[in-house]
């Protein structure tokens, strides 16, 4: 088993990414650019959390968690725009928002734990 598989952040990011693919990217009324950006942002969360475990210094690990959190916030912003465009209903948006908020808190805790003391 790889170290990243043990991280709660990795497993939550996988769930978020899978839900994006199944429930959002399958919608036919999203333009190609937005769809591609959301796909890449949600995938970036998973991959950056995983890659953090390959690094030896706390500063390097922290950087990958910061990037993952940025990609999460980007994903939520895209979902907010889709809600504004009435492509995504408010209930579905809130479901993703809730998952994102939980994952953001986990990533923030990891980031803070790796700061220089």
Protein backbone atom coordinates (compact mmCIF):
# COMPACT_ATOMS: atom_id res chain seq x y z
CA UNK A 1 0.00 0.00 0.00
CA UNK A 2 1.27 3.47 -0.86
CA UNK A 3 1.29 6.15 1.84
CA UNK A 4 -1.20 8.37 0.01
CA UNK A 5 -3.84 5.64 0.15
CA UNK A 6 -3.89 5.99 3.95
CA UNK A 7 -4.68 9.72 3.88
CA UNK A 8 -8.23 10.84 4.61
CA UNK A 9 -7.61 13.80 2.29
CA UNK A 10 -6.80 11.45 -0.59
CA UNK A 11 -9.89 9.33 -0.08
CA UNK A 12 -12.18 12.37 0.26
CA UNK A 13 -10.59 13.90 -2.85
CA UNK A 14 -11.27 10.69 -4.77
CA UNK A 15 -14.93 10.78 -3.76
CA UNK A 16 -15.19 14.46 -4.78
CA UNK A 17 -13.56 13.73 -8.15
CA UNK A 18 -15.79 10.71 -8.81
CA UNK A 19 -18.94 12.69 -7.98
CA UNK A 20 -17.79 15.47 -10.32
CA UNK A 21 -17.31 12.95 -13.12
CA UNK A 22 -20.58 11.12 -12.53
CA UNK A 23 -22.91 14.01 -11.71
CA UNK A 24 -21.47 17.10 -13.41
CA UNK A 25 -19.23 16.16 -16.32
CA UNK A 26 -21.93 13.87 -17.69
CA UNK A 27 -24.28 16.84 -18.13
CA UNK A 28 -24.61 17.73 -21.79
CA UNK A 29 -25.22 21.45 -21.41
CA UNK A 30 -21.77 22.49 -20.09
CA UNK A 31 -19.39 24.04 -22.59
CA UNK A 32 -16.24 22.11 -23.43
CA UNK A 33 -13.81 24.59 -21.84
CA UNK A 34 -15.64 24.65 -18.51
CA UNK A 35 -16.00 20.89 -18.50
CA UNK A 36 -12.28 20.44 -19.19
CA UNK A 37 -11.28 22.98 -16.51
CA UNK A 38 -13.48 21.30 -13.90
CA UNK A 39 -12.19 17.86 -14.84
CA UNK A 40 -8.57 19.02 -14.52
CA UNK A 41 -9.14 20.95 -11.28
CA UNK A 42 -10.92 18.08 -9.51
CA UNK A 43 -8.29 15.59 -10.71
CA UNK A 44 -5.53 17.93 -9.54
CA UNK A 45 -6.80 17.70 -5.97
CA UNK A 46 -6.39 13.92 -5.93
CA UNK A 47 -3.03 13.89 -7.70
CA UNK A 48 -1.44 16.63 -5.61
CA UNK A 49 -2.47 14.98 -2.35
CA UNK A 50 -0.97 11.71 -3.63
CA UNK A 51 2.22 13.37 -4.84
CA UNK A 52 2.73 15.07 -1.46
CA UNK A 53 3.57 11.68 0.03
CA UNK A 54 6.50 11.23 -2.35
CA UNK A 55 8.28 14.29 -0.93
CA UNK A 56 10.80 14.20 1.90
CA UNK A 57 10.72 17.73 3.28
CA UNK A 58 7.76 19.23 5.09
CA UNK A 59 7.98 22.33 2.88
CA UNK A 60 7.61 20.23 -0.28
CA UNK A 61 4.73 18.22 1.17
CA UNK A 62 3.01 21.42 2.30
CA UNK A 63 3.32 22.93 -1.18
CA UNK A 64 1.43 20.02 -2.73
CA UNK A 65 -1.35 20.35 -0.15
CA UNK A 66 -1.55 24.09 -0.90
CA UNK A 67 -1.89 23.35 -4.63
CA UNK A 68 -4.55 20.69 -3.92
CA UNK A 69 -6.53 23.17 -1.80
CA UNK A 70 -6.27 25.77 -4.57
CA UNK A 71 -7.63 23.26 -7.07
CA UNK A 72 -10.49 22.46 -4.70
CA UNK A 73 -11.39 26.14 -4.40
CA UNK A 74 -11.20 26.44 -8.20
CA UNK A 75 -13.59 23.49 -8.53
CA UNK A 76 -16.09 25.06 -6.12
CA UNK A 77 -15.90 28.37 -8.01
CA UNK A 78 -16.67 26.58 -11.29
CA UNK A 79 -19.64 24.85 -9.66
CA UNK A 80 -20.84 28.23 -8.38
CA UNK A 81 -20.69 29.61 -11.93
CA UNK A 82 -22.61 26.58 -13.20
CA UNK A 83 -25.24 27.29 -10.56
CA UNK A 84 -25.43 30.93 -11.71
CA UNK A 85 -25.92 29.70 -15.28
CA UNK A 86 -28.74 27.44 -14.00
CA UNK A 87 -26.91 24.34 -15.21
CA UNK A 88 -26.46 23.07 -11.66
CA UNK A 89 -29.35 23.26 -9.22
CA UNK A 90 -28.87 24.76 -5.76
CA UNK A 91 -29.35 21.47 -3.89
CA UNK A 92 -26.63 19.75 -5.92
CA UNK A 93 -24.35 22.76 -5.53
CA UNK A 94 -24.77 22.65 -1.75
CA UNK A 95 -23.95 18.93 -1.74
CA UNK A 96 -20.65 19.58 -3.54
CA UNK A 97 -20.02 22.66 -1.41
CA UNK A 98 -20.38 20.61 1.77
CA UNK A 99 -17.95 17.94 0.56
CA UNK A 100 -15.55 20.66 -0.58
CA UNK A 101 -15.74 22.49 2.74
CA UNK A 102 -14.90 19.31 4.65
CA UNK A 103 -11.99 18.53 2.33
CA UNK A 104 -10.75 22.12 2.55
CA UNK A 105 -10.62 21.89 6.35
CA UNK A 106 -8.66 18.63 6.16
CA UNK A 107 -6.18 20.14 3.69
CA UNK A 108 -5.87 23.31 5.77
CA UNK A 109 -5.04 21.22 8.85
CA UNK A 110 -2.38 19.33 6.89
CA UNK A 111 -0.93 22.60 5.59
CA UNK A 112 -0.80 24.15 9.05
CA UNK A 113 0.79 21.02 10.55
CA UNK A 114 3.68 21.30 8.09
CA UNK A 115 4.47 24.98 8.68
CA UNK A 116 7.81 25.92 10.20
CA UNK A 117 7.60 26.24 13.95
